[in-house]
Amino acid sequence: MSLFDRFRSRKDASKPPAADPSPQPSLPSLPYSWVVSGRLAIGPMPRDLSHWQQLEQAGFRSRFSCCYPEEEQCPPPEHWLQGRVSLPDHRRQEPLKPERLQEALEAAESLIRSQPAVYLHCMAGLERSPLVAAGLIARQRGIDLLAALDVIRLCHPRAMPIYSDLDILDSVLRLP
């Protein structure tokens, strides 16, 4: 057998088996990011049961929503712990009030203490949930808001909290 024939037969033997032609149902993936490994992740709102199943397989059993109830498309399973404080986004449903943001931070902290592996979400996972996560990280680590925002953006590069909301969060974090 020539060198070429030996190479070709070895190459043919290393080919992966042909793919099964029958289509396999694929679950749509929910892109989330761990902010504190095993304790807190952020991302977009789960839109169907397969998203909740994906999260549950990843170890989540609780969620904190920054959405308004009318934004919800698919509620979490009944056995999940839940928290919610509705915050406005770029559509400016209402002005963001410091006391509302303070309430969101306290409620999210409470949920994290009672049930680690909290999925913190808003509609797209870009504005409200990263805002709250930055506040949580700043408090937890005793760092300033910009450093906390850097942590969030390292974990979740798509994070784009609204600048005026960051100003409000900064004032909330400075309260005694």
N, C-alpha and C. Protein backbone atom coordinates (compact mmCIF):
# COMPACT_ATOMS: atom_id res chain seq x y z
N MET A 1 0.85 -1.16 0.00
CA MET A 1 0.00 0.00 0.00
C MET A 1 0.90 1.24 0.00
N SER A 2 0.59 2.17 -0.86
CA SER A 2 1.39 3.38 -0.97
C SER A 2 1.14 4.30 0.23
N LEU A 3 2.04 5.21 0.41
CA LEU A 3 1.90 6.19 1.49
C LEU A 3 0.60 6.98 1.33
N PHE A 4 0.29 7.36 0.11
CA PHE A 4 -0.93 8.11 -0.16
C PHE A 4 -2.16 7.29 0.23
N ASP A 5 -2.19 5.99 -0.13
CA ASP A 5 -3.33 5.14 0.21
C ASP A 5 -3.46 4.97 1.73
N ARG A 6 -2.31 4.81 2.39
CA ARG A 6 -2.37 4.67 3.85
C ARG A 6 -2.89 5.96 4.50
N PHE A 7 -2.43 7.11 4.00
CA PHE A 7 -2.89 8.39 4.53
C PHE A 7 -4.39 8.55 4.31
N ARG A 8 -4.87 8.21 3.10
CA ARG A 8 -6.28 8.36 2.79
C ARG A 8 -7.13 7.42 3.64
N SER A 9 -6.69 6.19 3.86
CA SER A 9 -7.48 5.26 4.65
C SER A 9 -7.51 5.70 6.12
N ARG A 10 -6.39 6.24 6.60
CA ARG A 10 -6.37 6.75 7.96
C ARG A 10 -7.29 7.96 8.10
N LYS A 11 -7.29 8.82 7.09
CA LYS A 11 -8.15 10.00 7.09
C LYS A 11 -9.62 9.59 7.05
N ASP A 12 -9.96 8.59 6.25
CA ASP A 12 -11.34 8.13 6.18
C ASP A 12 -11.78 7.51 7.50
N ALA A 13 -10.87 6.83 8.18
CA ALA A 13 -11.22 6.18 9.44
C ALA A 13 -11.44 7.21 10.55
N SER A 14 -10.81 8.38 10.40
CA SER A 14 -10.95 9.38 11.46
C SER A 14 -12.15 10.31 11.25
N LYS A 15 -12.87 10.11 10.15
CA LYS A 15 -14.05 10.94 9.90
C LYS A 15 -15.13 10.62 10.92
N PRO A 16 -15.82 11.64 11.40
CA PRO A 16 -16.92 11.37 12.32
C PRO A 16 -18.05 10.68 11.59
N PRO A 17 -18.85 9.91 12.30
CA PRO A 17 -19.96 9.24 11.64
C PRO A 17 -20.93 10.27 11.06
N ALA A 18 -21.63 9.86 10.01
CA ALA A 18 -22.58 10.76 9.37
C ALA A 18 -23.66 11.17 10.36
N ALA A 19 -24.09 12.40 10.23
CA ALA A 19 -25.12 12.91 11.13
C ALA A 19 -26.45 12.23 10.85
N ASP A 20 -27.22 12.08 11.91
CA ASP A 20 -28.55 11.51 11.78
C ASP A 20 -29.40 12.50 10.99
N PRO A 21 -29.99 12.08 9.86
CA PRO A 21 -30.74 13.03 9.04
C PRO A 21 -32.06 13.48 9.66
N SER A 22 -32.57 12.76 10.66
CA SER A 22 -33.84 13.16 11.24
C SER A 22 -33.63 14.41 12.09
N PRO A 23 -34.44 15.43 11.89
CA PRO A 23 -34.25 16.67 12.65
C PRO A 23 -34.55 16.47 14.14
N GLN A 24 -33.71 17.04 14.96
CA GLN A 24 -33.89 16.97 16.40
C GLN A 24 -34.46 18.31 16.88
N PRO A 25 -35.45 18.26 17.72
CA PRO A 25 -35.97 19.54 18.22
C PRO A 25 -34.91 20.23 19.07
N SER A 26 -34.72 21.50 18.84
CA SER A 26 -33.74 22.23 19.63
C SER A 26 -34.46 23.25 20.50
N LEU A 27 -34.00 23.32 21.72
CA LEU A 27 -34.58 24.27 22.65
C LEU A 27 -33.93 25.62 22.42
N PRO A 28 -34.71 26.69 22.36
CA PRO A 28 -34.08 28.01 22.24
C PRO A 28 -33.29 28.30 23.50
N SER A 29 -32.12 28.83 23.32
CA SER A 29 -31.24 29.09 24.45
C SER A 29 -31.49 30.47 25.04
N LEU A 30 -31.38 30.58 26.33
CA LEU A 30 -31.54 31.85 27.03
C LEU A 30 -30.14 32.32 27.43
N PRO A 31 -29.66 33.40 26.84
CA PRO A 31 -28.29 33.86 27.14
C PRO A 31 -28.23 34.62 28.46
N TYR A 32 -27.64 34.01 29.47
CA TYR A 32 -27.51 34.67 30.76
C TYR A 32 -26.04 34.65 31.15
N SER A 33 -25.71 35.48 32.13
CA SER A 33 -24.32 35.59 32.59
C SER A 33 -24.27 35.51 34.11
N TRP A 34 -23.37 34.68 34.61
CA TRP A 34 -23.15 34.62 36.06
C TRP A 34 -22.40 35.88 36.47
N VAL A 35 -22.91 36.56 37.46
CA VAL A 35 -22.25 37.73 38.02
C VAL A 35 -21.50 37.31 39.27
N VAL A 36 -22.14 36.49 40.09
CA VAL A 36 -21.50 35.87 41.25
C VAL A 36 -21.75 34.38 41.07
N SER A 37 -20.70 33.66 40.79
CA SER A 37 -20.82 32.25 40.43
C SER A 37 -21.67 31.46 41.44
N GLY A 38 -22.68 30.80 40.90
CA GLY A 38 -23.55 29.96 41.71
C GLY A 38 -24.55 30.71 42.57
N ARG A 39 -24.51 32.05 42.55
CA ARG A 39 -25.40 32.84 43.42
C ARG A 39 -26.28 33.83 42.66
N LEU A 40 -25.73 34.49 41.65
CA LEU A 40 -26.47 35.53 40.95
C LEU A 40 -26.10 35.57 39.48
N ALA A 41 -27.12 35.52 38.64
CA ALA A 41 -26.92 35.65 37.20
C ALA A 41 -27.93 36.65 36.66
N ILE A 42 -27.57 37.30 35.55
CA ILE A 42 -28.49 38.25 34.92
C ILE A 42 -28.70 37.88 33.46
N GLY A 43 -29.83 38.31 32.94
CA GLY A 43 -30.13 38.05 31.55
C GLY A 43 -31.52 38.53 31.19
N PRO A 44 -31.98 38.14 30.01
CA PRO A 44 -33.30 38.57 29.55
C PRO A 44 -34.42 37.75 30.19
N MET A 45 -35.63 38.24 30.00
CA MET A 45 -36.81 37.58 30.54
C MET A 45 -37.02 36.23 29.85
N PRO A 46 -37.21 35.16 30.62
CA PRO A 46 -37.57 33.88 30.00
C PRO A 46 -38.91 34.01 29.28
N ARG A 47 -38.96 33.52 28.05
CA ARG A 47 -40.14 33.73 27.22
C ARG A 47 -41.00 32.48 27.01
N ASP A 48 -40.48 31.32 27.41
CA ASP A 48 -41.30 30.11 27.30
C ASP A 48 -40.81 29.07 28.30
N LEU A 49 -41.53 27.99 28.39
CA LEU A 49 -41.23 26.96 29.37
C LEU A 49 -39.82 26.38 29.20
N SER A 50 -39.35 26.28 27.97
CA SER A 50 -38.01 25.73 27.75
C SER A 50 -36.93 26.60 28.39
N HIS A 51 -37.15 27.92 28.45
CA HIS A 51 -36.19 28.80 29.12
C HIS A 51 -36.15 28.52 30.61
N TRP A 52 -37.32 28.35 31.22
CA TRP A 52 -37.35 28.03 32.65
C TRP A 52 -36.70 26.68 32.91
N GLN A 53 -36.91 25.72 32.01
CA GLN A 53 -36.28 24.41 32.16
C GLN A 53 -34.76 24.52 32.05
N GLN A 54 -34.28 25.33 31.12
CA GLN A 54 -32.84 25.55 30.97
C GLN A 54 -32.26 26.14 32.26
N LEU A 55 -32.94 27.12 32.81
CA LEU A 55 -32.47 27.74 34.05
C LEU A 55 -32.49 26.75 35.21
N GLU A 56 -33.54 25.97 35.29
CA GLU A 56 -33.63 24.98 36.36
C GLU A 56 -32.51 23.94 36.24
N GLN A 57 -32.20 23.52 35.03
CA GLN A 57 -31.10 22.56 34.84
C GLN A 57 -29.76 23.16 35.24
N ALA A 58 -29.66 24.49 35.17
CA ALA A 58 -28.42 25.17 35.57
C ALA A 58 -28.36 25.42 37.08
N GLY A 59 -29.43 25.05 37.81
CA GLY A 59 -29.41 25.16 39.25
C GLY A 59 -30.24 26.30 39.83
N PHE A 60 -30.91 27.05 39.01
CA PHE A 60 -31.75 28.14 39.51
C PHE A 60 -33.05 27.61 40.08
N ARG A 61 -33.51 28.24 41.15
CA ARG A 61 -34.81 27.93 41.73
C ARG A 61 -35.53 29.20 42.17
N SER A 62 -34.93 30.34 41.84
CA SER A 62 -35.54 31.62 42.19
C SER A 62 -35.20 32.66 41.13
N ARG A 63 -36.10 33.62 41.03
CA ARG A 63 -35.86 34.71 40.08
C ARG A 63 -36.31 36.02 40.69
N PHE A 64 -35.60 37.08 40.28
CA PHE A 64 -35.98 38.43 40.66
C PHE A 64 -36.21 39.19 39.37
N SER A 65 -37.40 39.75 39.21
CA SER A 65 -37.77 40.44 37.99
C SER A 65 -37.81 41.95 38.21
N CYS A 66 -37.24 42.67 37.27
CA CYS A 66 -37.32 44.14 37.25
C CYS A 66 -38.41 44.59 36.28
N CYS A 67 -39.13 43.64 35.70
CA CYS A 67 -40.17 43.92 34.71
C CYS A 67 -41.48 44.32 35.38
N TYR A 68 -42.32 44.96 34.61
CA TYR A 68 -43.69 45.21 35.04
C TYR A 68 -44.48 43.93 34.79
N PRO A 69 -45.49 43.64 35.59
CA PRO A 69 -46.26 42.40 35.40
C PRO A 69 -46.79 42.23 33.98
N GLU A 70 -47.19 43.31 33.34
CA GLU A 70 -47.74 43.19 31.98
C GLU A 70 -46.68 42.86 30.93
N GLU A 71 -45.41 42.95 31.29
CA GLU A 71 -44.34 42.57 30.36
C GLU A 71 -44.11 41.05 30.36
N GLU A 72 -44.50 40.39 31.42
CA GLU A 72 -44.25 38.95 31.55
C GLU A 72 -44.93 38.17 30.43
N GLN A 73 -44.20 37.25 29.84
CA GLN A 73 -44.75 36.42 28.78
C GLN A 73 -44.99 34.99 29.23
N CYS A 74 -44.18 34.52 30.15
CA CYS A 74 -44.32 33.14 30.64
C CYS A 74 -43.86 33.12 32.10
N PRO A 75 -44.79 32.94 33.04
CA PRO A 75 -44.40 32.97 34.45
C PRO A 75 -43.51 31.78 34.80
N PRO A 76 -42.72 31.94 35.87
CA PRO A 76 -41.86 30.83 36.29
C PRO A 76 -42.70 29.68 36.86
N PRO A 77 -42.10 28.50 36.98
CA PRO A 77 -42.79 27.38 37.62
C PRO A 77 -43.22 27.77 39.03
N GLU A 78 -44.30 27.20 39.49
CA GLU A 78 -44.89 27.56 40.79
C GLU A 78 -43.95 27.32 41.96
N HIS A 79 -43.05 26.34 41.85
CA HIS A 79 -42.18 26.02 42.97
C HIS A 79 -40.97 26.97 43.09
N TRP A 80 -40.82 27.89 42.17
CA TRP A 80 -39.72 28.85 42.23
C TRP A 80 -40.05 29.96 43.23
N LEU A 81 -39.03 30.41 43.97
CA LEU A 81 -39.17 31.61 44.78
C LEU A 81 -39.10 32.81 43.84
N GLN A 82 -39.89 33.83 44.16
CA GLN A 82 -39.93 34.97 43.25
C GLN A 82 -39.85 36.28 44.00
N GLY A 83 -39.25 37.24 43.35
CA GLY A 83 -39.24 38.61 43.83
C GLY A 83 -39.42 39.52 42.62
N ARG A 84 -39.99 40.67 42.88
CA ARG A 84 -40.16 41.63 41.79
C ARG A 84 -40.26 43.04 42.36
N VAL A 85 -39.55 43.94 41.73
CA VAL A 85 -39.76 45.37 41.89
C VAL A 85 -39.69 45.92 40.48
N SER A 86 -40.80 46.43 40.00
CA SER A 86 -40.88 46.94 38.63
C SER A 86 -40.14 48.26 38.51
N LEU A 87 -39.19 48.29 37.58
CA LEU A 87 -38.40 49.49 37.33
C LEU A 87 -38.59 49.92 35.87
N PRO A 88 -38.56 51.21 35.61
CA PRO A 88 -38.71 51.67 34.22
C PRO A 88 -37.44 51.41 33.41
N ASP A 89 -37.62 51.28 32.10
CA ASP A 89 -36.48 51.13 31.19
C ASP A 89 -36.43 52.33 30.25
N HIS A 90 -35.80 52.17 29.10
CA HIS A 90 -35.64 53.29 28.16
C HIS A 90 -36.97 53.84 27.66
N ARG A 91 -38.04 53.07 27.81
CA ARG A 91 -39.36 53.55 27.38
C ARG A 91 -39.97 54.51 28.39
N ARG A 92 -39.33 54.62 29.56
CA ARG A 92 -39.72 55.56 30.60
C ARG A 92 -41.19 55.45 30.97
N GLN A 93 -41.59 54.26 31.40
CA GLN A 93 -42.95 54.04 31.84
C GLN A 93 -43.33 55.03 32.94
N GLU A 94 -42.35 55.40 33.75
CA GLU A 94 -42.51 56.36 34.84
C GLU A 94 -41.09 56.79 35.21
N PRO A 95 -40.95 57.85 35.95
CA PRO A 95 -39.59 58.23 36.39
C PRO A 95 -39.06 57.21 37.40
N LEU A 96 -37.78 56.94 37.33
CA LEU A 96 -37.15 56.06 38.32
C LEU A 96 -36.95 56.85 39.60
N LYS A 97 -37.48 56.35 40.69
CA LYS A 97 -37.37 57.02 41.98
C LYS A 97 -36.32 56.30 42.83
N PRO A 98 -35.49 57.06 43.54
CA PRO A 98 -34.45 56.44 44.38
C PRO A 98 -35.02 55.41 45.35
N GLU A 99 -36.17 55.72 45.96
CA GLU A 99 -36.73 54.77 46.94
C GLU A 99 -37.16 53.46 46.27
N ARG A 100 -37.56 53.53 45.01
CA ARG A 100 -37.94 52.31 44.28
C ARG A 100 -36.70 51.46 43.99
N LEU A 101 -35.60 52.12 43.63
CA LEU A 101 -34.35 51.41 43.37
C LEU A 101 -33.81 50.81 44.67
N GLN A 102 -33.92 51.55 45.76
CA GLN A 102 -33.52 51.03 47.08
C GLN A 102 -34.34 49.79 47.42
N GLU A 103 -35.63 49.84 47.16
CA GLU A 103 -36.51 48.69 47.41
C GLU A 103 -36.08 47.48 46.57
N ALA A 104 -35.72 47.73 45.33
CA ALA A 104 -35.27 46.63 44.46
C ALA A 104 -33.99 45.99 45.00
N LEU A 105 -33.05 46.81 45.43
CA LEU A 105 -31.80 46.27 45.98
C LEU A 105 -32.06 45.43 47.23
N GLU A 106 -32.89 45.94 48.12
CA GLU A 106 -33.18 45.22 49.36
C GLU A 106 -33.92 43.91 49.09
N ALA A 107 -34.89 43.95 48.18
CA ALA A 107 -35.65 42.74 47.87
C ALA A 107 -34.77 41.69 47.19
N ALA A 108 -33.90 42.12 46.28
CA ALA A 108 -33.00 41.19 45.61
C ALA A 108 -32.00 40.59 46.60
N GLU A 109 -31.46 41.42 47.49
CA GLU A 109 -30.54 40.91 48.52
C GLU A 109 -31.21 39.87 49.40
N SER A 110 -32.44 40.13 49.77
CA SER A 110 -33.18 39.19 50.61
C SER A 110 -33.38 37.86 49.90
N LEU A 111 -33.73 37.91 48.63
CA LEU A 111 -33.94 36.68 47.86
C LEU A 111 -32.63 35.90 47.72
N ILE A 112 -31.55 36.60 47.48
CA ILE A 112 -30.24 35.94 47.34
C ILE A 112 -29.85 35.26 48.65
N ARG A 113 -30.13 35.91 49.78
CA ARG A 113 -29.81 35.30 51.09
C ARG A 113 -30.65 34.04 51.32
N SER A 114 -31.91 34.07 50.91
CA SER A 114 -32.79 32.92 51.19
C SER A 114 -32.65 31.80 50.16
N GLN A 115 -32.28 32.12 48.95
CA GLN A 115 -32.20 31.11 47.90
C GLN A 115 -31.11 31.49 46.90
N PRO A 116 -29.88 31.04 47.14
CA PRO A 116 -28.84 31.34 46.16
C PRO A 116 -29.21 30.80 44.78
N ALA A 117 -28.46 31.20 43.83
CA ALA A 117 -28.71 30.92 42.42
C ALA A 117 -29.99 31.64 41.99
N VAL A 118 -29.95 32.95 42.12
CA VAL A 118 -31.05 33.81 41.71
C VAL A 118 -30.81 34.27 40.28
N TYR A 119 -31.86 34.15 39.47
CA TYR A 119 -31.82 34.69 38.11
C TYR A 119 -32.47 36.06 38.14
N LEU A 120 -31.68 37.10 37.92
CA LEU A 120 -32.13 38.49 37.94
C LEU A 120 -32.35 38.90 36.49
N HIS A 121 -33.59 39.30 36.17
CA HIS A 121 -33.85 39.62 34.77
C HIS A 121 -34.70 40.86 34.59
N CYS A 122 -34.60 41.40 33.40
CA CYS A 122 -35.50 42.43 32.90
C CYS A 122 -35.91 41.97 31.51
N MET A 123 -36.49 42.82 30.73
CA MET A 123 -36.98 42.39 29.42
C MET A 123 -35.85 41.86 28.53
N ALA A 124 -34.80 42.63 28.36
CA ALA A 124 -33.72 42.23 27.46
C ALA A 124 -32.42 41.88 28.17
N GLY A 125 -32.35 42.12 29.47
CA GLY A 125 -31.11 41.85 30.20
C GLY A 125 -30.04 42.89 29.94
N LEU A 126 -30.45 44.09 29.53
CA LEU A 126 -29.48 45.11 29.15
C LEU A 126 -29.45 46.32 30.08
N GLU A 127 -30.60 46.75 30.57
CA GLU A 127 -30.66 48.00 31.31
C GLU A 127 -30.95 47.80 32.80
N ARG A 128 -32.12 47.31 33.11
CA ARG A 128 -32.57 47.25 34.50
C ARG A 128 -31.84 46.20 35.32
N SER A 129 -31.74 44.97 34.81
CA SER A 129 -31.08 43.93 35.61
C SER A 129 -29.60 44.23 35.82
N PRO A 130 -28.85 44.73 34.81
CA PRO A 130 -27.47 45.11 35.10
C PRO A 130 -27.36 46.27 36.10
N LEU A 131 -28.34 47.17 36.08
CA LEU A 131 -28.35 48.28 37.04
C LEU A 131 -28.46 47.74 38.47
N VAL A 132 -29.43 46.86 38.69
CA VAL A 132 -29.61 46.29 40.03
C VAL A 132 -28.40 45.43 40.40
N ALA A 133 -27.89 44.66 39.46
CA ALA A 133 -26.72 43.82 39.75
C ALA A 133 -25.51 44.67 40.13
N ALA A 134 -25.32 45.80 39.46
CA ALA A 134 -24.20 46.69 39.81
C ALA A 134 -24.37 47.21 41.24
N GLY A 135 -25.58 47.55 41.61
CA GLY A 135 -25.82 47.99 42.99
C GLY A 135 -25.53 46.90 44.00
N LEU A 136 -25.95 45.68 43.66
CA LEU A 136 -25.71 44.55 44.57
C LEU A 136 -24.21 44.29 44.72
N ILE A 137 -23.49 44.31 43.62
CA ILE A 137 -22.04 44.07 43.66
C ILE A 137 -21.34 45.18 44.44
N ALA A 138 -21.72 46.43 44.21
CA ALA A 138 -21.10 47.55 44.93
C ALA A 138 -21.29 47.38 46.44
N ARG A 139 -22.50 47.03 46.84
CA ARG A 139 -22.77 46.83 48.28
C ARG A 139 -22.02 45.63 48.84
N GLN A 140 -22.10 44.53 48.11
CA GLN A 140 -21.50 43.28 48.60
C GLN A 140 -19.99 43.41 48.75
N ARG A 141 -19.35 44.02 47.79
CA ARG A 141 -17.88 44.10 47.79
C ARG A 141 -17.34 45.38 48.39
N GLY A 142 -18.22 46.32 48.73
CA GLY A 142 -17.77 47.59 49.28
C GLY A 142 -16.95 48.40 48.29
N ILE A 143 -17.37 48.38 47.03
CA ILE A 143 -16.65 49.12 45.98
C ILE A 143 -17.56 50.20 45.41
N ASP A 144 -16.95 51.14 44.69
CA ASP A 144 -17.78 52.20 44.12
C ASP A 144 -18.54 51.69 42.90
N LEU A 145 -19.50 52.48 42.46
CA LEU A 145 -20.40 52.05 41.39
C LEU A 145 -19.67 51.78 40.09
N LEU A 146 -18.70 52.60 39.73
CA LEU A 146 -17.99 52.38 38.46
C LEU A 146 -17.21 51.06 38.48
N ALA A 147 -16.60 50.75 39.60
CA ALA A 147 -15.90 49.47 39.72
C ALA A 147 -16.89 48.31 39.63
N ALA A 148 -18.05 48.46 40.27
CA ALA A 148 -19.08 47.41 40.20
C ALA A 148 -19.59 47.26 38.77
N LEU A 149 -19.77 48.37 38.08
CA LEU A 149 -20.22 48.31 36.68
C LEU A 149 -19.18 47.62 35.81
N ASP A 150 -17.90 47.82 36.09
CA ASP A 150 -16.84 47.11 35.36
C ASP A 150 -16.97 45.60 35.58
N VAL A 151 -17.26 45.19 36.81
CA VAL A 151 -17.45 43.76 37.10
C VAL A 151 -18.62 43.22 36.28
N ILE A 152 -19.72 43.96 36.25
CA ILE A 152 -20.89 43.51 35.50
C ILE A 152 -20.56 43.40 34.02
N ARG A 153 -19.89 44.39 33.47
CA ARG A 153 -19.58 44.37 32.03
C ARG A 153 -18.55 43.30 31.67
N LEU A 154 -17.70 42.93 32.60
CA LEU A 154 -16.79 41.81 32.33
C LEU A 154 -17.57 40.51 32.20
N CYS A 155 -18.57 40.35 33.04
CA CYS A 155 -19.39 39.13 33.03
C CYS A 155 -20.46 39.17 31.95
N HIS A 156 -21.00 40.35 31.72
CA HIS A 156 -22.16 40.51 30.84
C HIS A 156 -21.90 41.73 29.94
N PRO A 157 -21.10 41.55 28.89
CA PRO A 157 -20.67 42.68 28.06
C PRO A 157 -21.80 43.50 27.44
N ARG A 158 -22.97 42.92 27.31
CA ARG A 158 -24.08 43.64 26.69
C ARG A 158 -24.76 44.61 27.65
N ALA A 159 -24.34 44.66 28.90
CA ALA A 159 -24.95 45.54 29.90
C ALA A 159 -24.85 47.00 29.48
N MET A 160 -26.00 47.67 29.48
CA MET A 160 -26.05 49.08 29.12
C MET A 160 -27.05 49.83 30.00
N PRO A 161 -26.80 49.92 31.30
CA PRO A 161 -27.73 50.67 32.15
C PRO A 161 -27.84 52.11 31.66
N ILE A 162 -28.97 52.72 31.87
CA ILE A 162 -29.19 54.10 31.45
C ILE A 162 -28.37 55.02 32.36
N TYR A 163 -27.67 55.97 31.77
CA TYR A 163 -26.76 56.83 32.55
C TYR A 163 -27.47 57.57 33.68
N SER A 164 -28.64 58.11 33.41
CA SER A 164 -29.35 58.83 34.48
C SER A 164 -29.75 57.87 35.61
N ASP A 165 -30.02 56.62 35.27
CA ASP A 165 -30.34 55.62 36.30
C ASP A 165 -29.10 55.29 37.13
N LEU A 166 -27.93 55.30 36.50
CA LEU A 166 -26.69 55.08 37.25
C LEU A 166 -26.45 56.22 38.23
N ASP A 167 -26.79 57.45 37.83
CA ASP A 167 -26.67 58.58 38.76
C ASP A 167 -27.56 58.38 39.98
N ILE A 168 -28.78 57.91 39.73
CA ILE A 168 -29.71 57.66 40.83
C ILE A 168 -29.17 56.53 41.73
N LEU A 169 -28.67 55.47 41.10
CA LEU A 169 -28.10 54.36 41.88
C LEU A 169 -26.92 54.84 42.70
N ASP A 170 -26.08 55.67 42.15
CA ASP A 170 -24.93 56.19 42.88
C ASP A 170 -25.39 56.95 44.12
N SER A 171 -26.44 57.74 43.98
CA SER A 171 -26.94 58.48 45.16
C SER A 171 -27.55 57.52 46.18
N VAL A 172 -28.20 56.45 45.73
CA VAL A 172 -28.77 55.46 46.65
C VAL A 172 -27.65 54.75 47.41
N LEU A 173 -26.59 54.41 46.71
CA LEU A 173 -25.48 53.69 47.35
C LEU A 173 -24.74 54.55 48.36
N ARG A 174 -24.83 55.86 48.21
CA ARG A 174 -24.13 56.79 49.14
C ARG A 174 -24.94 57.06 50.40
N LEU A 175 -26.19 56.62 50.44
CA LEU A 175 -27.00 56.84 51.63
C LEU A 175 -26.45 56.02 52.79
N PRO A 176 -26.55 56.57 54.01
CA PRO A 176 -26.01 55.83 55.17
C PRO A 176 -26.82 54.59 55.47
